[in-house]
């Protein structure tokens, strides 16, 4: 059974860079054809896809967040990470990692989510 677990700071100050890590157990992030995504949900809003990293390291990002977003991986730890720079209070959200297909929504696995608050 594949399980995903997000880890992160909880509170980030405006203008800082948010860093989150998703640890995957029960399966390898390098197994094809899987891809690993970051999705967030701001209070009172719907889900927003942020980006994805494939089993071979290819990445794709949401056009609206591309200039501030980077997704990377550590295959030795079976983890993938999100960095979001220059955060503002509008980036306050529950951040989820997910695994499955390359296309948004084609997910077999979800993390439980972690609340990130951007505040001075």
N, C-alpha and C. Protein backbone atom coordinates (compact mmCIF):
# COMPACT_ATOMS: atom_id res chain seq x y z
N UNK A 1 0.84 -1.19 0.00
CA UNK A 1 0.00 0.00 0.00
C UNK A 1 0.88 1.25 0.00
N UNK A 2 0.72 2.07 -1.02
CA UNK A 2 1.51 3.30 -1.11
C UNK A 2 0.91 4.34 -0.18
N UNK A 3 1.78 4.97 0.58
CA UNK A 3 1.35 6.04 1.47
C UNK A 3 2.22 7.27 1.25
N UNK A 4 1.59 8.45 1.37
CA UNK A 4 2.29 9.71 1.20
C UNK A 4 2.12 10.54 2.47
N UNK A 5 3.18 11.23 2.85
CA UNK A 5 3.13 12.06 4.06
C UNK A 5 3.86 13.36 3.81
N UNK A 6 3.12 14.47 3.93
CA UNK A 6 3.72 15.79 3.76
C UNK A 6 4.39 16.22 5.07
N UNK A 7 5.44 17.01 4.93
CA UNK A 7 6.07 17.63 6.09
C UNK A 7 6.48 19.04 5.70
N UNK A 8 6.29 19.96 6.65
CA UNK A 8 6.61 21.34 6.36
C UNK A 8 6.55 22.19 7.61
N UNK A 9 6.76 23.49 7.47
CA UNK A 9 6.95 24.37 8.63
C UNK A 9 5.68 24.80 9.34
N UNK A 10 4.53 24.76 8.68
CA UNK A 10 3.31 25.24 9.30
C UNK A 10 3.09 26.73 9.13
N UNK A 11 4.09 27.52 9.47
CA UNK A 11 3.97 28.98 9.41
C UNK A 11 5.16 29.53 8.63
N UNK A 12 4.87 30.39 7.67
CA UNK A 12 5.92 31.01 6.86
C UNK A 12 5.65 32.51 6.81
N UNK A 13 6.70 33.30 6.85
CA UNK A 13 6.53 34.76 6.78
C UNK A 13 6.44 35.21 5.33
N UNK A 14 5.72 36.28 5.08
CA UNK A 14 5.65 36.82 3.72
C UNK A 14 7.04 37.10 3.16
N UNK A 15 7.18 36.88 1.88
CA UNK A 15 8.40 37.06 1.08
C UNK A 15 9.38 35.89 1.22
N UNK A 16 9.15 35.00 2.17
CA UNK A 16 10.04 33.85 2.34
C UNK A 16 9.70 32.76 1.33
N UNK A 17 10.54 31.73 1.31
CA UNK A 17 10.31 30.57 0.46
C UNK A 17 9.75 29.42 1.29
N UNK A 18 8.63 28.89 0.83
CA UNK A 18 8.00 27.73 1.47
C UNK A 18 8.63 26.46 0.93
N UNK A 19 9.02 25.57 1.83
CA UNK A 19 9.58 24.28 1.42
C UNK A 19 8.77 23.17 2.06
N UNK A 20 8.28 22.25 1.23
CA UNK A 20 7.53 21.10 1.71
C UNK A 20 8.14 19.83 1.12
N UNK A 21 8.06 18.77 1.89
CA UNK A 21 8.56 17.47 1.44
C UNK A 21 7.46 16.43 1.57
N UNK A 22 7.40 15.56 0.59
CA UNK A 22 6.46 14.44 0.62
C UNK A 22 7.27 13.14 0.65
N UNK A 23 7.08 12.37 1.69
CA UNK A 23 7.77 11.08 1.82
C UNK A 23 6.84 9.98 1.36
N UNK A 24 7.31 9.17 0.44
CA UNK A 24 6.51 8.09 -0.13
C UNK A 24 6.98 6.76 0.43
N UNK A 25 6.05 5.96 0.91
CA UNK A 25 6.37 4.62 1.39
C UNK A 25 5.48 3.60 0.68
N UNK A 26 5.99 2.38 0.59
CA UNK A 26 5.23 1.32 -0.05
C UNK A 26 5.37 1.30 -1.56
N UNK A 27 6.19 2.16 -2.11
CA UNK A 27 6.40 2.20 -3.55
C UNK A 27 7.52 3.18 -3.86
N UNK A 28 8.10 3.07 -5.04
CA UNK A 28 9.23 3.91 -5.42
C UNK A 28 8.78 5.06 -6.31
N UNK A 29 9.33 6.24 -6.06
CA UNK A 29 8.99 7.40 -6.89
C UNK A 29 9.59 7.30 -8.29
N UNK A 30 10.48 6.31 -8.49
CA UNK A 30 11.08 6.13 -9.81
C UNK A 30 10.38 5.03 -10.62
N UNK A 31 9.31 4.46 -10.05
CA UNK A 31 8.57 3.41 -10.76
C UNK A 31 7.73 4.03 -11.87
N UNK A 32 7.96 3.55 -13.09
CA UNK A 32 7.11 4.03 -14.17
C UNK A 32 5.78 3.31 -14.13
N UNK A 33 4.68 3.96 -14.53
CA UNK A 33 4.64 5.29 -15.14
C UNK A 33 4.21 6.40 -14.17
N UNK A 34 4.53 6.21 -12.90
CA UNK A 34 3.96 7.11 -11.90
C UNK A 34 4.53 8.53 -11.96
N UNK A 35 3.68 9.47 -11.54
CA UNK A 35 4.06 10.87 -11.39
C UNK A 35 3.56 11.35 -10.04
N UNK A 36 4.20 12.41 -9.55
CA UNK A 36 3.97 12.85 -8.18
C UNK A 36 3.71 14.35 -8.19
N UNK A 37 2.59 14.72 -7.60
CA UNK A 37 2.08 16.09 -7.77
C UNK A 37 1.93 16.82 -6.44
N UNK A 38 1.85 18.13 -6.58
CA UNK A 38 1.48 18.99 -5.47
C UNK A 38 0.19 19.73 -5.84
N UNK A 39 -0.74 19.72 -4.90
CA UNK A 39 -2.04 20.36 -5.06
C UNK A 39 -2.33 21.12 -3.78
N UNK A 40 -2.98 22.26 -3.89
CA UNK A 40 -3.31 23.01 -2.67
C UNK A 40 -4.75 23.46 -2.69
N UNK A 41 -5.26 23.77 -1.50
CA UNK A 41 -6.62 24.28 -1.37
C UNK A 41 -6.62 25.41 -0.35
N UNK A 42 -6.85 26.62 -0.85
CA UNK A 42 -6.95 27.78 0.02
C UNK A 42 -8.30 27.78 0.72
N UNK A 43 -8.40 28.46 1.87
CA UNK A 43 -9.68 28.48 2.60
C UNK A 43 -10.83 28.96 1.73
N UNK A 44 -11.87 28.18 1.67
CA UNK A 44 -13.06 28.58 0.92
C UNK A 44 -12.96 28.45 -0.58
N UNK A 45 -11.85 27.85 -1.07
CA UNK A 45 -11.65 27.72 -2.51
C UNK A 45 -11.49 26.26 -2.91
N UNK A 46 -11.45 26.03 -4.20
CA UNK A 46 -11.29 24.68 -4.70
C UNK A 46 -9.84 24.25 -4.77
N UNK A 47 -9.63 23.02 -5.23
CA UNK A 47 -8.29 22.51 -5.38
C UNK A 47 -7.55 23.21 -6.51
N UNK A 48 -6.26 23.47 -6.29
CA UNK A 48 -5.42 24.12 -7.29
C UNK A 48 -4.19 23.26 -7.53
N UNK A 49 -4.02 22.82 -8.78
CA UNK A 49 -2.84 22.05 -9.13
C UNK A 49 -1.63 22.97 -9.24
N UNK A 50 -0.51 22.53 -8.65
CA UNK A 50 0.68 23.37 -8.64
C UNK A 50 1.76 22.84 -9.59
N UNK A 51 1.94 21.54 -9.62
CA UNK A 51 2.97 20.99 -10.49
C UNK A 51 3.15 19.51 -10.25
N UNK A 52 4.01 18.90 -11.09
CA UNK A 52 4.19 17.45 -11.06
C UNK A 52 5.62 17.10 -11.44
N UNK A 53 6.11 15.99 -10.87
CA UNK A 53 7.40 15.44 -11.26
C UNK A 53 7.18 13.97 -11.59
N UNK A 54 7.68 13.55 -12.72
CA UNK A 54 7.46 12.18 -13.18
C UNK A 54 8.52 11.23 -12.63
N UNK A 55 8.32 9.94 -12.88
CA UNK A 55 9.23 8.90 -12.41
C UNK A 55 10.66 9.12 -12.95
N UNK A 56 10.76 9.79 -14.10
CA UNK A 56 12.07 10.01 -14.71
C UNK A 56 12.63 11.40 -14.44
N UNK A 57 11.95 12.18 -13.60
CA UNK A 57 12.43 13.50 -13.23
C UNK A 57 11.87 14.65 -14.04
N UNK A 58 11.09 14.35 -15.08
CA UNK A 58 10.47 15.45 -15.83
C UNK A 58 9.52 16.21 -14.92
N UNK A 59 9.43 17.53 -15.17
CA UNK A 59 8.54 18.35 -14.36
C UNK A 59 7.62 19.19 -15.24
N UNK A 60 6.51 19.59 -14.65
CA UNK A 60 5.59 20.52 -15.29
C UNK A 60 4.94 21.34 -14.20
N UNK A 61 4.68 22.62 -14.51
CA UNK A 61 4.16 23.52 -13.50
C UNK A 61 2.92 24.25 -14.00
N UNK A 62 2.10 24.67 -13.03
CA UNK A 62 0.98 25.52 -13.35
C UNK A 62 1.50 26.83 -13.92
N UNK A 63 0.96 27.29 -15.04
CA UNK A 63 1.44 28.56 -15.62
C UNK A 63 1.35 29.73 -14.64
N UNK A 64 0.31 29.72 -13.80
CA UNK A 64 0.13 30.85 -12.88
C UNK A 64 1.14 30.84 -11.74
N UNK A 65 1.77 29.72 -11.48
CA UNK A 65 2.73 29.61 -10.38
C UNK A 65 4.14 29.30 -10.84
N UNK A 66 4.32 29.11 -12.12
CA UNK A 66 5.59 28.62 -12.64
C UNK A 66 6.79 29.45 -12.23
N UNK A 67 6.62 30.76 -12.20
CA UNK A 67 7.76 31.64 -11.90
C UNK A 67 8.21 31.51 -10.44
N UNK A 68 7.36 30.95 -9.58
CA UNK A 68 7.70 30.87 -8.15
C UNK A 68 7.84 29.44 -7.64
N UNK A 69 7.64 28.45 -8.52
CA UNK A 69 7.55 27.06 -8.06
C UNK A 69 8.69 26.21 -8.60
N UNK A 70 9.16 25.32 -7.74
CA UNK A 70 10.15 24.32 -8.15
C UNK A 70 9.83 23.00 -7.45
N UNK A 71 9.83 21.93 -8.21
CA UNK A 71 9.62 20.59 -7.65
C UNK A 71 10.86 19.77 -7.94
N UNK A 72 11.36 19.11 -6.91
CA UNK A 72 12.56 18.29 -7.04
C UNK A 72 12.34 16.96 -6.32
N UNK A 73 13.34 16.09 -6.40
CA UNK A 73 13.21 14.80 -5.73
C UNK A 73 14.53 14.33 -5.17
N UNK A 74 14.45 13.45 -4.18
CA UNK A 74 15.60 12.78 -3.62
C UNK A 74 15.29 11.29 -3.70
N UNK A 75 15.81 10.64 -4.71
CA UNK A 75 15.47 9.24 -4.92
C UNK A 75 16.04 8.35 -3.82
N UNK A 76 17.14 8.78 -3.18
CA UNK A 76 17.73 7.97 -2.12
C UNK A 76 16.82 7.91 -0.89
N UNK A 77 16.02 8.96 -0.73
CA UNK A 77 15.08 9.02 0.41
C UNK A 77 13.65 8.73 -0.01
N UNK A 78 13.43 8.53 -1.30
CA UNK A 78 12.08 8.33 -1.84
C UNK A 78 11.16 9.48 -1.46
N UNK A 79 11.67 10.68 -1.69
CA UNK A 79 10.93 11.90 -1.36
C UNK A 79 10.90 12.83 -2.58
N UNK A 80 9.86 13.64 -2.65
CA UNK A 80 9.84 14.75 -3.59
C UNK A 80 9.42 16.00 -2.84
N UNK A 81 9.86 17.14 -3.34
CA UNK A 81 9.72 18.37 -2.58
C UNK A 81 9.17 19.50 -3.44
N UNK A 82 8.57 20.47 -2.75
CA UNK A 82 8.03 21.67 -3.36
C UNK A 82 8.71 22.88 -2.74
N UNK A 83 9.12 23.79 -3.58
CA UNK A 83 9.56 25.09 -3.09
C UNK A 83 8.72 26.17 -3.78
N UNK A 84 8.16 27.06 -2.98
CA UNK A 84 7.35 28.17 -3.48
C UNK A 84 7.95 29.45 -2.93
N UNK A 85 8.45 30.28 -3.80
CA UNK A 85 9.17 31.47 -3.37
C UNK A 85 8.24 32.68 -3.26
N UNK A 86 8.73 33.69 -2.57
CA UNK A 86 8.04 34.98 -2.45
C UNK A 86 6.58 34.80 -2.04
N UNK A 87 6.37 34.06 -0.97
CA UNK A 87 4.99 33.77 -0.57
C UNK A 87 4.30 35.02 -0.02
N UNK A 88 2.98 35.04 -0.17
CA UNK A 88 2.12 36.08 0.38
C UNK A 88 1.00 35.40 1.16
N UNK A 89 0.21 36.16 1.89
CA UNK A 89 -0.92 35.55 2.60
C UNK A 89 -1.87 34.79 1.67
N UNK A 90 -1.90 35.14 0.40
CA UNK A 90 -2.74 34.40 -0.56
C UNK A 90 -2.26 32.96 -0.77
N UNK A 91 -1.06 32.66 -0.33
CA UNK A 91 -0.54 31.29 -0.46
C UNK A 91 -0.92 30.43 0.75
N UNK A 92 -1.63 31.00 1.70
CA UNK A 92 -2.14 30.21 2.82
C UNK A 92 -3.12 29.17 2.30
N UNK A 93 -2.86 27.90 2.64
CA UNK A 93 -3.67 26.82 2.09
C UNK A 93 -3.28 25.51 2.76
N UNK A 94 -4.11 24.50 2.54
CA UNK A 94 -3.71 23.13 2.84
C UNK A 94 -3.01 22.59 1.60
N UNK A 95 -1.80 22.11 1.78
CA UNK A 95 -1.00 21.60 0.68
C UNK A 95 -1.00 20.07 0.73
N UNK A 96 -1.30 19.48 -0.42
CA UNK A 96 -1.36 18.03 -0.53
C UNK A 96 -0.31 17.54 -1.53
N UNK A 97 0.27 16.38 -1.24
CA UNK A 97 1.00 15.68 -2.28
C UNK A 97 0.16 14.51 -2.74
N UNK A 98 0.31 14.15 -3.99
CA UNK A 98 -0.51 13.09 -4.58
C UNK A 98 0.33 12.29 -5.57
N UNK A 99 -0.06 11.05 -5.77
CA UNK A 99 0.67 10.19 -6.70
C UNK A 99 -0.27 9.46 -7.63
N UNK A 100 0.20 9.26 -8.86
CA UNK A 100 -0.62 8.55 -9.84
C UNK A 100 -0.21 8.94 -11.24
N UNK A 101 -1.14 9.52 -11.97
CA UNK A 101 -0.85 9.88 -13.35
C UNK A 101 -0.23 11.25 -13.50
N UNK A 102 0.24 11.54 -14.72
CA UNK A 102 0.84 12.84 -15.04
C UNK A 102 -0.23 13.92 -15.09
N UNK A 103 -1.41 13.54 -15.55
CA UNK A 103 -2.49 14.51 -15.75
C UNK A 103 -3.18 14.83 -14.43
N UNK A 104 -3.50 16.11 -14.25
CA UNK A 104 -4.17 16.54 -13.03
C UNK A 104 -5.45 15.74 -12.81
N UNK A 105 -5.61 15.27 -11.58
CA UNK A 105 -6.82 14.54 -11.20
C UNK A 105 -6.69 13.04 -11.28
N UNK A 106 -5.70 12.55 -12.00
CA UNK A 106 -5.52 11.09 -12.14
C UNK A 106 -4.64 10.56 -11.03
N UNK A 107 -5.16 10.66 -9.82
CA UNK A 107 -4.36 10.32 -8.65
C UNK A 107 -4.90 9.06 -7.98
N UNK A 108 -3.98 8.18 -7.66
CA UNK A 108 -4.32 6.97 -6.92
C UNK A 108 -4.08 7.13 -5.43
N UNK A 109 -3.19 8.05 -5.09
CA UNK A 109 -2.76 8.20 -3.70
C UNK A 109 -2.71 9.67 -3.32
N UNK A 110 -3.07 9.94 -2.07
CA UNK A 110 -3.04 11.30 -1.52
C UNK A 110 -2.38 11.29 -0.15
N UNK A 111 -1.65 12.35 0.14
CA UNK A 111 -1.24 12.60 1.50
C UNK A 111 -2.41 13.19 2.29
N UNK A 112 -2.24 13.32 3.58
CA UNK A 112 -3.32 13.84 4.42
C UNK A 112 -3.44 15.35 4.34
N UNK A 113 -2.42 16.00 3.82
CA UNK A 113 -2.43 17.45 3.70
C UNK A 113 -1.80 18.12 4.91
N UNK A 114 -1.20 19.27 4.66
CA UNK A 114 -0.61 20.05 5.74
C UNK A 114 -0.98 21.51 5.56
N UNK A 115 -1.44 22.13 6.63
CA UNK A 115 -1.84 23.54 6.57
C UNK A 115 -0.60 24.42 6.66
N UNK A 116 -0.47 25.29 5.68
CA UNK A 116 0.59 26.28 5.67
C UNK A 116 -0.06 27.65 5.77
N UNK A 117 0.34 28.40 6.77
CA UNK A 117 -0.16 29.75 6.98
C UNK A 117 0.96 30.74 6.70
N UNK A 118 0.66 31.73 5.87
CA UNK A 118 1.63 32.78 5.59
C UNK A 118 1.20 34.02 6.36
N UNK A 119 2.02 34.40 7.32
CA UNK A 119 1.67 35.51 8.20
C UNK A 119 2.95 36.10 8.80
N UNK A 120 2.94 37.43 9.03
CA UNK A 120 4.15 38.05 9.63
C UNK A 120 4.46 37.49 11.00
